[in-house]
Amino acid sequence: MQVYFIDNEDYFKRKATLTDEDGNMFSDNDERAIFFAKG
């Protein structure tokens, strides 16, 4: 099974998924969701 990954330096380079090391949501998660859908 192949998996395709949507990538962008600004949105997905950080070493985390949806929250920072303190558990706070990234402020640009809305734009990341838009980018992911369109990508």
Full PDB file with SEQRES, HELIX, SHEET, SSBOND, CRYST1, ORIGX, SCALE, CONECT and MASTER records, all heavy atoms in Angstrom:
SEQRES   1 A   39  MET GLN VAL TYR PHE ILE ASP ASN GLU ASP TYR PHE LYS          
SEQRES   2 A   39  ARG LYS ALA THR LEU THR ASP GLU ASP GLY ASN MET PHE          
SEQRES   3 A   39  SER ASP ASN ASP GLU ARG ALA ILE PHE PHE ALA LYS GLY          
HELIX    1 AA1 GLU A    9  PHE A   12  1                                   4    
HELIX    2 AA2 ASN A   29  LYS A   38  1                                  10    
CRYST1    1.000    1.000    1.000  90.00  90.00  90.00 P 1           1          
ORIGX1      1.000000  0.000000  0.000000        0.00000                         
ORIGX2      0.000000  1.000000  0.000000        0.00000                         
ORIGX3      0.000000  0.000000  1.000000        0.00000                         
SCALE1      1.000000  0.000000  0.000000        0.00000                         
SCALE2      0.000000  1.000000  0.000000        0.00000                         
SCALE3      0.000000  0.000000  1.000000        0.00000                         
ATOM      1  N   MET A   1       0.850  -1.182   0.000  1.00  0.00           N  
ATOM      2  CA  MET A   1       0.000   0.000   0.000  1.00  0.00           C  
ATOM      3  C   MET A   1       0.893   1.243   0.000  1.00  0.00           C  
ATOM      4  O   MET A   1       1.805   1.353   0.814  1.00  0.00           O  
ATOM      5  CB  MET A   1      -0.925   0.030   1.223  1.00  0.00           C  
ATOM      6  CG  MET A   1      -1.898  -1.128   1.286  1.00  0.00           C  
ATOM      7  SD  MET A   1      -3.263  -0.887   2.462  1.00  0.00           S  
ATOM      8  CE  MET A   1      -2.399  -0.565   3.996  1.00  0.00           C  
ATOM      9  N   GLN A   2       0.607   2.148  -0.922  1.00  0.00           N  
ATOM     10  CA  GLN A   2       1.353   3.400  -0.981  1.00  0.00           C  
ATOM     11  C   GLN A   2       0.632   4.488  -0.213  1.00  0.00           C  
ATOM     12  O   GLN A   2      -0.603   4.558  -0.218  1.00  0.00           O  
ATOM     13  CB  GLN A   2       1.539   3.850  -2.432  1.00  0.00           C  
ATOM     14  CG  GLN A   2       2.682   3.160  -3.148  1.00  0.00           C  
ATOM     15  CD  GLN A   2       3.082   3.899  -4.408  1.00  0.00           C  
ATOM     16  OE1 GLN A   2       2.230   4.470  -5.087  1.00  0.00           O  
ATOM     17  NE2 GLN A   2       4.372   3.890  -4.723  1.00  0.00           N  
ATOM     18  N   VAL A   3       1.417   5.329   0.439  1.00  0.00           N  
ATOM     19  CA  VAL A   3       0.874   6.487   1.154  1.00  0.00           C  
ATOM     20  C   VAL A   3       1.487   7.741   0.548  1.00  0.00           C  
ATOM     21  O   VAL A   3       2.711   7.841   0.388  1.00  0.00           O  
ATOM     22  CB  VAL A   3       1.192   6.418   2.662  1.00  0.00           C  
ATOM     23  CG1 VAL A   3       0.644   7.654   3.373  1.00  0.00           C  
ATOM     24  CG2 VAL A   3       0.611   5.144   3.274  1.00  0.00           C  
ATOM     25  N   TYR A   4       0.630   8.686   0.184  1.00  0.00           N  
ATOM     26  CA  TYR A   4       1.071   9.972  -0.331  1.00  0.00           C  
ATOM     27  C   TYR A   4       1.046  10.999   0.810  1.00  0.00           C  
ATOM     28  O   TYR A   4       0.077  11.054   1.579  1.00  0.00           O  
ATOM     29  CB  TYR A   4       0.156  10.448  -1.461  1.00  0.00           C  
ATOM     30  CG  TYR A   4       0.248   9.612  -2.713  1.00  0.00           C  
ATOM     31  CD1 TYR A   4      -0.487   8.438  -2.851  1.00  0.00           C  
ATOM     32  CD2 TYR A   4       1.068   9.997  -3.775  1.00  0.00           C  
ATOM     33  CE1 TYR A   4      -0.405   7.667  -3.993  1.00  0.00           C  
ATOM     34  CE2 TYR A   4       1.158   9.232  -4.925  1.00  0.00           C  
ATOM     35  CZ  TYR A   4       0.429   8.073  -5.022  1.00  0.00           C  
ATOM     36  OH  TYR A   4       0.510   7.309  -6.161  1.00  0.00           O  
ATOM     37  N   PHE A   5       2.096  11.807   0.867  1.00  0.00           N  
ATOM     38  CA  PHE A   5       2.225  12.796   1.939  1.00  0.00           C  
ATOM     39  C   PHE A   5       2.165  14.210   1.353  1.00  0.00           C  
ATOM     40  O   PHE A   5       2.909  14.537   0.427  1.00  0.00           O  
ATOM     41  CB  PHE A   5       3.559  12.616   2.671  1.00  0.00           C  
ATOM     42  CG  PHE A   5       3.683  11.310   3.401  1.00  0.00           C  
ATOM     43  CD1 PHE A   5       4.075  10.162   2.727  1.00  0.00           C  
ATOM     44  CD2 PHE A   5       3.404  11.225   4.763  1.00  0.00           C  
ATOM     45  CE1 PHE A   5       4.188   8.939   3.395  1.00  0.00           C  
ATOM     46  CE2 PHE A   5       3.511  10.016   5.431  1.00  0.00           C  
ATOM     47  CZ  PHE A   5       3.904   8.882   4.748  1.00  0.00           C  
ATOM     48  N   ILE A   6       1.274  15.023   1.933  1.00  0.00           N  
ATOM     49  CA  ILE A   6       1.164  16.424   1.543  1.00  0.00           C  
ATOM     50  C   ILE A   6       2.132  17.235   2.405  1.00  0.00           C  
ATOM     51  O   ILE A   6       2.043  17.212   3.645  1.00  0.00           O  
ATOM     52  CB  ILE A   6      -0.276  16.936   1.748  1.00  0.00           C  
ATOM     53  CG1 ILE A   6      -1.262  16.132   0.887  1.00  0.00           C  
ATOM     54  CG2 ILE A   6      -0.363  18.434   1.449  1.00  0.00           C  
ATOM     55  CD1 ILE A   6      -1.077  16.263  -0.593  1.00  0.00           C  
ATOM     56  N   ASP A   7       3.042  17.974   1.759  1.00  0.00           N  
ATOM     57  CA  ASP A   7       4.093  18.663   2.498  1.00  0.00           C  
ATOM     58  C   ASP A   7       4.201  20.120   2.063  1.00  0.00           C  
ATOM     59  O   ASP A   7       3.851  20.479   0.929  1.00  0.00           O  
ATOM     60  CB  ASP A   7       5.430  17.948   2.274  1.00  0.00           C  
ATOM     61  CG  ASP A   7       6.487  18.312   3.318  1.00  0.00           C  
ATOM     62  OD1 ASP A   7       6.168  19.065   4.259  1.00  0.00           O  
ATOM     63  OD2 ASP A   7       7.628  17.842   3.180  1.00  0.00           O  
ATOM     64  N   ASN A   8       4.670  20.925   2.995  1.00  0.00           N  
ATOM     65  CA  ASN A   8       4.966  22.331   2.760  1.00  0.00           C  
ATOM     66  C   ASN A   8       5.866  22.802   3.891  1.00  0.00           C  
ATOM     67  O   ASN A   8       5.618  22.489   5.062  1.00  0.00           O  
ATOM     68  CB  ASN A   8       3.673  23.157   2.705  1.00  0.00           C  
ATOM     69  CG  ASN A   8       3.940  24.653   2.683  1.00  0.00           C  
ATOM     70  OD1 ASN A   8       4.014  25.281   3.732  1.00  0.00           O  
ATOM     71  ND2 ASN A   8       4.077  25.219   1.502  1.00  0.00           N  
ATOM     72  N   GLU A   9       6.908  23.539   3.558  1.00  0.00           N  
ATOM     73  CA  GLU A   9       7.896  23.957   4.565  1.00  0.00           C  
ATOM     74  C   GLU A   9       7.259  24.751   5.699  1.00  0.00           C  
ATOM     75  O   GLU A   9       7.577  24.556   6.872  1.00  0.00           O  
ATOM     76  CB  GLU A   9       8.994  24.790   3.901  1.00  0.00           C  
ATOM     77  CG  GLU A   9       9.944  24.001   3.016  1.00  0.00           C  
ATOM     78  CD  GLU A   9      10.998  23.257   3.819  1.00  0.00           C  
ATOM     79  OE1 GLU A   9      11.592  23.864   4.727  1.00  0.00           O  
ATOM     80  OE2 GLU A   9      11.220  22.062   3.548  1.00  0.00           O  
ATOM     81  N   ASP A  10       6.368  25.673   5.368  1.00  0.00           N  
ATOM     82  CA  ASP A  10       5.778  26.538   6.397  1.00  0.00           C  
ATOM     83  C   ASP A  10       4.797  25.791   7.292  1.00  0.00           C  
ATOM     84  O   ASP A  10       4.741  26.032   8.495  1.00  0.00           O  
ATOM     85  CB  ASP A  10       5.067  27.729   5.740  1.00  0.00           C  
ATOM     86  CG  ASP A  10       6.044  28.684   5.079  1.00  0.00           C  
ATOM     87  OD1 ASP A  10       6.724  29.429   5.807  1.00  0.00           O  
ATOM     88  OD2 ASP A  10       6.141  28.672   3.837  1.00  0.00           O  
ATOM     89  N   TYR A  11       4.021  24.906   6.710  1.00  0.00           N  
ATOM     90  CA  TYR A  11       2.948  24.269   7.464  1.00  0.00           C  
ATOM     91  C   TYR A  11       3.343  22.967   8.154  1.00  0.00           C  
ATOM     92  O   TYR A  11       2.774  22.621   9.191  1.00  0.00           O  
ATOM     93  CB  TYR A  11       1.756  23.984   6.538  1.00  0.00           C  
ATOM     94  CG  TYR A  11       1.020  25.227   6.091  1.00  0.00           C  
ATOM     95  CD1 TYR A  11       0.579  25.354   4.779  1.00  0.00           C  
ATOM     96  CD2 TYR A  11       0.753  26.275   6.982  1.00  0.00           C  
ATOM     97  CE1 TYR A  11      -0.113  26.485   4.358  1.00  0.00           C  
ATOM     98  CE2 TYR A  11       0.081  27.415   6.572  1.00  0.00           C  
ATOM     99  CZ  TYR A  11      -0.357  27.516   5.253  1.00  0.00           C  
ATOM    100  OH  TYR A  11      -1.032  28.635   4.847  1.00  0.00           O  
ATOM    101  N   PHE A  12       4.281  22.222   7.587  1.00  0.00           N  
ATOM    102  CA  PHE A  12       4.499  20.872   8.109  1.00  0.00           C  
ATOM    103  C   PHE A  12       5.938  20.534   8.487  1.00  0.00           C  
ATOM    104  O   PHE A  12       6.208  19.396   8.860  1.00  0.00           O  
ATOM    105  CB  PHE A  12       3.962  19.848   7.104  1.00  0.00           C  
ATOM    106  CG  PHE A  12       2.472  19.924   6.910  1.00  0.00           C  
ATOM    107  CD1 PHE A  12       1.932  20.369   5.714  1.00  0.00           C  
ATOM    108  CD2 PHE A  12       1.611  19.588   7.947  1.00  0.00           C  
ATOM    109  CE1 PHE A  12       0.558  20.457   5.538  1.00  0.00           C  
ATOM    110  CE2 PHE A  12       0.233  19.673   7.777  1.00  0.00           C  
ATOM    111  CZ  PHE A  12      -0.299  20.115   6.583  1.00  0.00           C  
ATOM    112  N   LYS A  13       6.840  21.491   8.428  1.00  0.00           N  
ATOM    113  CA  LYS A  13       8.228  21.169   8.760  1.00  0.00           C  
ATOM    114  C   LYS A  13       8.443  20.986  10.263  1.00  0.00           C  
ATOM    115  O   LYS A  13       9.284  20.202  10.698  1.00  0.00           O  
ATOM    116  CB  LYS A  13       9.172  22.258   8.243  1.00  0.00           C  
ATOM    117  CG  LYS A  13      10.639  21.890   8.397  1.00  0.00           C  
ATOM    118  CD  LYS A  13      11.549  22.923   7.765  1.00  0.00           C  
ATOM    119  CE  LYS A  13      13.005  22.504   7.876  1.00  0.00           C  
ATOM    120  NZ  LYS A  13      13.923  23.490   7.257  1.00  0.00           N  
ATOM    121  N   ARG A  14       7.683  21.719  11.100  1.00  0.00           N  
ATOM    122  CA  ARG A  14       7.862  21.666  12.554  1.00  0.00           C  
ATOM    123  C   ARG A  14       7.781  20.232  13.083  1.00  0.00           C  
ATOM    124  O   ARG A  14       7.021  19.427  12.567  1.00  0.00           O  
ATOM    125  CB  ARG A  14       6.822  22.556  13.238  1.00  0.00           C  
ATOM    126  CG  ARG A  14       5.389  22.102  13.059  1.00  0.00           C  
ATOM    127  CD  ARG A  14       4.368  23.217  13.270  1.00  0.00           C  
ATOM    128  NE  ARG A  14       4.354  24.165  12.186  1.00  0.00           N  
ATOM    129  CZ  ARG A  14       3.359  25.010  11.935  1.00  0.00           C  
ATOM    130  NH1 ARG A  14       2.302  25.038  12.727  1.00  0.00           N  
ATOM    131  NH2 ARG A  14       3.410  25.850  10.926  1.00  0.00           N  
ATOM    132  N   LYS A  15       8.549  19.936  14.105  1.00  0.00           N  
ATOM    133  CA  LYS A  15       8.675  18.569  14.617  1.00  0.00           C  
ATOM    134  C   LYS A  15       7.512  18.203  15.542  1.00  0.00           C  
ATOM    135  O   LYS A  15       7.698  17.850  16.714  1.00  0.00           O  
ATOM    136  CB  LYS A  15      10.001  18.401  15.363  1.00  0.00           C  
ATOM    137  CG  LYS A  15      11.234  18.672  14.507  1.00  0.00           C  
ATOM    138  CD  LYS A  15      11.419  17.594  13.454  1.00  0.00           C  
ATOM    139  CE  LYS A  15      12.724  17.798  12.681  1.00  0.00           C  
ATOM    140  NZ  LYS A  15      12.908  16.794  11.623  1.00  0.00           N  
ATOM    141  N   ALA A  16       6.316  18.304  15.047  1.00  0.00           N  
ATOM    142  CA  ALA A  16       5.111  18.029  15.834  1.00  0.00           C  
ATOM    143  C   ALA A  16       3.948  17.845  14.869  1.00  0.00           C  
ATOM    144  O   ALA A  16       4.081  18.089  13.665  1.00  0.00           O  
ATOM    145  CB  ALA A  16       4.832  19.173  16.801  1.00  0.00           C  
ATOM    146  N   THR A  17       2.805  17.420  15.403  1.00  0.00           N  
ATOM    147  CA  THR A  17       1.631  17.243  14.548  1.00  0.00           C  
ATOM    148  C   THR A  17       0.702  18.458  14.643  1.00  0.00           C  
ATOM    149  O   THR A  17       0.767  19.360  13.821  1.00  0.00           O  
ATOM    150  CB  THR A  17       0.871  15.957  14.920  1.00  0.00           C  
ATOM    151  OG1 THR A  17       0.614  15.947  16.333  1.00  0.00           O  
ATOM    152  CG2 THR A  17       1.676  14.723  14.542  1.00  0.00           C  
ATOM    153  N   LEU A  18      -0.141  18.495  15.668  1.00  0.00           N  
ATOM    154  CA  LEU A  18      -1.168  19.549  15.745  1.00  0.00           C  
ATOM    155  C   LEU A  18      -0.964  20.517  16.907  1.00  0.00           C  
ATOM    156  O   LEU A  18      -1.583  21.586  16.934  1.00  0.00           O  
ATOM    157  CB  LEU A  18      -2.558  18.901  15.871  1.00  0.00           C  
ATOM    158  CG  LEU A  18      -2.924  17.942  14.736  1.00  0.00           C  
ATOM    159  CD1 LEU A  18      -4.211  17.201  15.061  1.00  0.00           C  
ATOM    160  CD2 LEU A  18      -3.048  18.694  13.423  1.00  0.00           C  
ATOM    161  N   THR A  19      -0.094  20.154  17.854  1.00  0.00           N  
ATOM    162  CA  THR A  19       0.115  20.996  19.049  1.00  0.00           C  
ATOM    163  C   THR A  19       1.614  21.148  19.319  1.00  0.00           C  
ATOM    164  O   THR A  19       2.431  20.333  18.884  1.00  0.00           O  
ATOM    165  CB  THR A  19      -0.547  20.390  20.297  1.00  0.00           C  
ATOM    166  OG1 THR A  19       0.014  19.079  20.535  1.00  0.00           O  
ATOM    167  CG2 THR A  19      -2.054  20.243  20.104  1.00  0.00           C  
ATOM    168  N   ASP A  20       1.952  22.212  20.078  1.00  0.00           N  
ATOM    169  CA  ASP A  20       3.351  22.403  20.457  1.00  0.00           C  
ATOM    170  C   ASP A  20       3.681  21.543  21.672  1.00  0.00           C  
ATOM    171  O   ASP A  20       2.842  20.761  22.150  1.00  0.00           O  
ATOM    172  CB  ASP A  20       3.647  23.888  20.717  1.00  0.00           C  
ATOM    173  CG  ASP A  20       2.835  24.468  21.877  1.00  0.00           C  
ATOM    174  OD1 ASP A  20       2.377  23.698  22.755  1.00  0.00           O  
ATOM    175  OD2 ASP A  20       2.674  25.699  21.926  1.00  0.00           O  
ATOM    176  N   GLU A  21       4.895  21.692  22.199  1.00  0.00           N  
ATOM    177  CA  GLU A  21       5.356  20.832  23.297  1.00  0.00           C  
ATOM    178  C   GLU A  21       4.572  21.057  24.583  1.00  0.00           C  
ATOM    179  O   GLU A  21       4.581  20.207  25.471  1.00  0.00           O  
ATOM    180  CB  GLU A  21       6.840  21.066  23.547  1.00  0.00           C  
ATOM    181  CG  GLU A  21       7.188  22.506  23.875  1.00  0.00           C  
ATOM    182  CD  GLU A  21       8.684  22.736  23.930  1.00  0.00           C  
ATOM    183  OE1 GLU A  21       9.455  21.885  23.446  1.00  0.00           O  
ATOM    184  OE2 GLU A  21       9.080  23.785  24.456  1.00  0.00           O  
ATOM    185  N   ASP A  22       3.850  22.170  24.675  1.00  0.00           N  
ATOM    186  CA  ASP A  22       3.018  22.439  25.846  1.00  0.00           C  
ATOM    187  C   ASP A  22       1.564  22.018  25.636  1.00  0.00           C  
ATOM    188  O   ASP A  22       0.710  22.254  26.494  1.00  0.00           O  
ATOM    189  CB  ASP A  22       3.067  23.933  26.205  1.00  0.00           C  
ATOM    190  CG  ASP A  22       4.467  24.381  26.597  1.00  0.00           C  
ATOM    191  OD1 ASP A  22       5.149  23.616  27.321  1.00  0.00           O  
ATOM    192  OD2 ASP A  22       4.879  25.472  26.179  1.00  0.00           O  
ATOM    193  N   GLY A  23       1.284  21.421  24.480  1.00  0.00           N  
ATOM    194  CA  GLY A  23      -0.072  20.964  24.199  1.00  0.00           C  
ATOM    195  C   GLY A  23      -0.988  22.012  23.614  1.00  0.00           C  
ATOM    196  O   GLY A  23      -2.195  21.785  23.476  1.00  0.00           O  
ATOM    197  N   ASN A  24      -0.428  23.168  23.246  1.00  0.00           N  
ATOM    198  CA  ASN A  24      -1.239  24.238  22.653  1.00  0.00           C  
ATOM    199  C   ASN A  24      -1.378  24.023  21.145  1.00  0.00           C  
ATOM    200  O   ASN A  24      -0.409  23.701  20.462  1.00  0.00           O  
ATOM    201  CB  ASN A  24      -0.594  25.599  22.917  1.00  0.00           C  
ATOM    202  CG  ASN A  24      -0.462  25.900  24.393  1.00  0.00           C  
ATOM    203  OD1 ASN A  24      -1.414  25.749  25.158  1.00  0.00           O  
ATOM    204  ND2 ASN A  24       0.720  26.321  24.822  1.00  0.00           N  
ATOM    205  N   MET A  25      -2.592  24.208  20.657  1.00  0.00           N  
ATOM    206  CA  MET A  25      -2.842  24.061  19.220  1.00  0.00           C  
ATOM    207  C   MET A  25      -2.049  25.096  18.433  1.00  0.00           C  
ATOM    208  O   MET A  25      -1.945  26.252  18.848  1.00  0.00           O  
ATOM    209  CB  MET A  25      -4.337  24.241  18.946  1.00  0.00           C  
ATOM    210  CG  MET A  25      -5.200  23.134  19.497  1.00  0.00           C  
ATOM    211  SD  MET A  25      -5.333  21.756  18.356  1.00  0.00           S  
ATOM    212  CE  MET A  25      -6.437  22.444  17.141  1.00  0.00           C  
ATOM    213  N   PHE A  26      -1.501  24.687  17.292  1.00  0.00           N  
ATOM    214  CA  PHE A  26      -0.807  25.648  16.442  1.00  0.00           C  
ATOM    215  C   PHE A  26      -1.807  26.656  15.881  1.00  0.00           C  
ATOM    216  O   PHE A  26      -2.918  26.296  15.476  1.00  0.00           O  
ATOM    217  CB  PHE A  26      -0.098  24.923  15.300  1.00  0.00           C  
ATOM    218  CG  PHE A  26       1.086  24.119  15.736  1.00  0.00           C  
ATOM    219  CD1 PHE A  26       1.147  22.757  15.496  1.00  0.00           C  
ATOM    220  CD2 PHE A  26       2.139  24.722  16.402  1.00  0.00           C  
ATOM    221  CE1 PHE A  26       2.240  22.010  15.892  1.00  0.00           C  
ATOM    222  CE2 PHE A  26       3.244  23.980  16.811  1.00  0.00           C  
ATOM    223  CZ  PHE A  26       3.294  22.622  16.565  1.00  0.00           C  
ATOM    224  N   SER A  27      -1.408  27.919  15.863  1.00  0.00           N  
ATOM    225  CA  SER A  27      -2.328  28.990  15.465  1.00  0.00           C  
ATOM    226  C   SER A  27      -2.728  28.909  13.995  1.00  0.00           C  
ATOM    227  O   SER A  27      -3.745  29.481  13.591  1.00  0.00           O  
ATOM    228  CB  SER A  27      -1.690  30.354  15.743  1.00  0.00           C  
ATOM    229  OG  SER A  27      -0.485  30.504  15.004  1.00  0.00           O  
ATOM    230  N   ASP A  28      -1.929  28.203  13.177  1.00  0.00           N  
ATOM    231  CA  ASP A  28      -2.245  28.105  11.744  1.00  0.00           C  
ATOM    232  C   ASP A  28      -2.866  26.766  11.366  1.00  0.00           C  
ATOM    233  O   ASP A  28      -2.866  26.395  10.184  1.00  0.00           O  
ATOM    234  CB  ASP A  28      -1.001  28.370  10.904  1.00  0.00           C  
ATOM    235  CG  ASP A  28       0.113  27.349  11.127  1.00  0.00           C  
ATOM    236  OD1 ASP A  28      -0.014  26.524  12.062  1.00  0.00           O  
ATOM    237  OD2 ASP A  28       1.104  27.373  10.369  1.00  0.00           O  
ATOM    238  N   ASN A  29      -3.410  26.037  12.331  1.00  0.00           N  
ATOM    239  CA  ASN A  29      -4.026  24.741  12.009  1.00  0.00           C  
ATOM    240  C   ASN A  29      -5.170  24.878  11.009  1.00  0.00           C  
ATOM    241  O   ASN A  29      -5.441  23.952  10.229  1.00  0.00           O  
ATOM    242  CB  ASN A  29      -4.521  24.039  13.268  1.00  0.00           C  
ATOM    243  CG  ASN A  29      -3.429  23.241  13.959  1.00  0.00           C  
ATOM    244  OD1 ASN A  29      -2.386  22.947  13.382  1.00  0.00           O  
ATOM    245  ND2 ASN A  29      -3.661  22.879  15.215  1.00  0.00           N  
ATOM    246  N   ASP A  30      -5.841  26.028  11.017  1.00  0.00           N  
ATOM    247  CA  ASP A  30      -6.916  26.236  10.042  1.00  0.00           C  
ATOM    248  C   ASP A  30      -6.352  26.282   8.623  1.00  0.00           C  
ATOM    249  O   ASP A  30      -6.882  25.634   7.707  1.00  0.00           O  
ATOM    250  CB  ASP A  30      -7.691  27.523  10.353  1.00  0.00           C  
ATOM    251  CG  ASP A  30      -6.829  28.778  10.266  1.00  0.00           C  
ATOM    252  OD1 ASP A  30      -5.645  28.725  10.687  1.00  0.00           O  
ATOM    253  OD2 ASP A  30      -7.320  29.814   9.783  1.00  0.00           O  
ATOM    254  N   GLU A  31      -5.243  26.996   8.440  1.00  0.00           N  
ATOM    255  CA  GLU A  31      -4.633  27.085   7.122  1.00  0.00           C  
ATOM    256  C   GLU A  31      -4.012  25.749   6.716  1.00  0.00           C  
ATOM    257  O   GLU A  31      -4.021  25.385   5.532  1.00  0.00           O  
ATOM    258  CB  GLU A  31      -3.575  28.189   7.097  1.00  0.00           C  
ATOM    259  CG  GLU A  31      -4.172  29.584   7.274  1.00  0.00           C  
ATOM    260  CD  GLU A  31      -3.124  30.679   7.166  1.00  0.00           C  
ATOM    261  OE1 GLU A  31      -1.989  30.398   6.732  1.00  0.00           O  
ATOM    262  OE2 GLU A  31      -3.463  31.832   7.516  1.00  0.00           O  
ATOM    263  N   ARG A  32      -3.499  25.018   7.681  1.00  0.00           N  
ATOM    264  CA  ARG A  32      -2.942  23.697   7.391  1.00  0.00           C  
ATOM    265  C   ARG A  32      -4.046  22.767   6.875  1.00  0.00           C  
ATOM    266  O   ARG A  32      -3.824  21.969   5.958  1.00  0.00           O  
ATOM    267  CB  ARG A  32      -2.291  23.111   8.642  1.00  0.00           C  
ATOM    268  CG  ARG A  32      -1.104  23.917   9.141  1.00  0.00           C  
ATOM    269  CD  ARG A  32      -0.676  23.462  10.518  1.00  0.00           C  
ATOM    270  NE  ARG A  32       0.371  22.469  10.462  1.00  0.00           N  
ATOM    271  CZ  ARG A  32       0.616  21.571  11.410  1.00  0.00           C  
ATOM    272  NH1 ARG A  32      -0.162  21.517  12.484  1.00  0.00           N  
ATOM    273  NH2 ARG A  32       1.599  20.709  11.291  1.00  0.00           N  
ATOM    274  N   ALA A  33      -5.239  22.871   7.471  1.00  0.00           N  
ATOM    275  CA  ALA A  33      -6.369  22.052   7.031  1.00  0.00           C  
ATOM    276  C   ALA A  33      -6.805  22.430   5.608  1.00  0.00           C  
ATOM    277  O   ALA A  33      -7.120  21.552   4.785  1.00  0.00           O  
ATOM    278  CB  ALA A  33      -7.542  22.193   7.996  1.00  0.00           C  
ATOM    279  N   ILE A  34      -6.843  23.732   5.320  1.00  0.00           N  
ATOM    280  CA  ILE A  34      -7.196  24.186   3.968  1.00  0.00           C  
ATOM    281  C   ILE A  34      -6.165  23.688   2.953  1.00  0.00           C  
ATOM    282  O   ILE A  34      -6.509  23.161   1.894  1.00  0.00           O  
ATOM    283  CB  ILE A  34      -7.300  25.729   3.918  1.00  0.00           C  
ATOM    284  CG1 ILE A  34      -8.447  26.228   4.807  1.00  0.00           C  
ATOM    285  CG2 ILE A  34      -7.501  26.213   2.478  1.00  0.00           C  
ATOM    286  CD1 ILE A  34      -8.461  27.737   5.020  1.00  0.00           C  
ATOM    287  N   PHE A  35      -4.888  23.846   3.292  1.00  0.00           N  
ATOM    288  CA  PHE A  35      -3.803  23.426   2.406  1.00  0.00           C  
ATOM    289  C   PHE A  35      -3.857  21.920   2.164  1.00  0.00           C  
ATOM    290  O   PHE A  35      -3.691  21.456   1.030  1.00  0.00           O  
ATOM    291  CB  PHE A  35      -2.457  23.812   3.016  1.00  0.00           C  
ATOM    292  CG  PHE A  35      -1.277  23.513   2.128  1.00  0.00           C  
ATOM    293  CD1 PHE A  35      -0.839  24.446   1.204  1.00  0.00           C  
ATOM    294  CD2 PHE A  35      -0.604  22.304   2.225  1.00  0.00           C  
ATOM    295  CE1 PHE A  35       0.246  24.173   0.369  1.00  0.00           C  
ATOM    296  CE2 PHE A  35       0.477  22.015   1.404  1.00  0.00           C  
ATOM    297  CZ  PHE A  35       0.912  22.953   0.476  1.00  0.00           C  
ATOM    298  N   PHE A  36      -4.094  21.164   3.228  1.00  0.00           N  
ATOM    299  CA  PHE A  36      -4.154  19.708   3.103  1.00  0.00           C  
ATOM    300  C   PHE A  36      -5.284  19.289   2.167  1.00  0.00           C  
ATOM    301  O   PHE A  36      -5.093  18.472   1.254  1.00  0.00           O  
ATOM    302  CB  PHE A  36      -4.323  19.074   4.481  1.00  0.00           C  
ATOM    303  CG  PHE A  36      -4.341  17.571   4.472  1.00  0.00           C  
ATOM    304  CD1 PHE A  36      -3.337  16.848   3.853  1.00  0.00           C  
ATOM    305  CD2 PHE A  36      -5.360  16.870   5.096  1.00  0.00           C  
ATOM    306  CE1 PHE A  36      -3.351  15.453   3.835  1.00  0.00           C  
ATOM    307  CE2 PHE A  36      -5.386  15.485   5.100  1.00  0.00           C  
ATOM    308  CZ  PHE A  36      -4.380  14.774   4.457  1.00  0.00           C  
ATOM    309  N   ALA A  37      -6.474  19.859   2.363  1.00  0.00           N  
ATOM    310  CA  ALA A  37      -7.619  19.508   1.518  1.00  0.00           C  
ATOM    311  C   ALA A  37      -7.340  19.814   0.049  1.00  0.00           C  
ATOM    312  O   ALA A  37      -7.529  18.968  -0.839  1.00  0.00           O  
ATOM    313  CB  ALA A  37      -8.870  20.249   1.987  1.00  0.00           C  
ATOM    314  N   LYS A  38      -6.881  21.019  -0.220  1.00  0.00           N  
ATOM    315  CA  LYS A  38      -6.624  21.410  -1.605  1.00  0.00           C  
ATOM    316  C   LYS A  38      -5.460  20.615  -2.196  1.00  0.00           C  
ATOM    317  O   LYS A  38      -5.468  20.242  -3.375  1.00  0.00           O  
ATOM    318  CB  LYS A  38      -6.360  22.924  -1.684  1.00  0.00           C  
ATOM    319  CG  LYS A  38      -7.592  23.748  -1.332  1.00  0.00           C  
ATOM    320  CD  LYS A  38      -7.290  25.232  -1.217  1.00  0.00           C  
ATOM    321  CE  LYS A  38      -7.184  25.903  -2.556  1.00  0.00           C  
ATOM    322  NZ  LYS A  38      -7.119  27.394  -2.418  1.00  0.00           N  
ATOM    323  N   GLY A  39      -4.453  20.332  -1.348  1.00  0.00           N  
ATOM    324  CA  GLY A  39      -3.301  19.575  -1.814  1.00  0.00           C  
ATOM    325  C   GLY A  39      -3.667  18.160  -2.222  1.00  0.00           C  
ATOM    326  O   GLY A  39      -3.185  17.646  -3.244  1.00  0.00           O  
TER     327      GLY A  39                                                      
MASTER        0    0    0    2    0    0    0    6  326    1    0    3          
END                                                                             
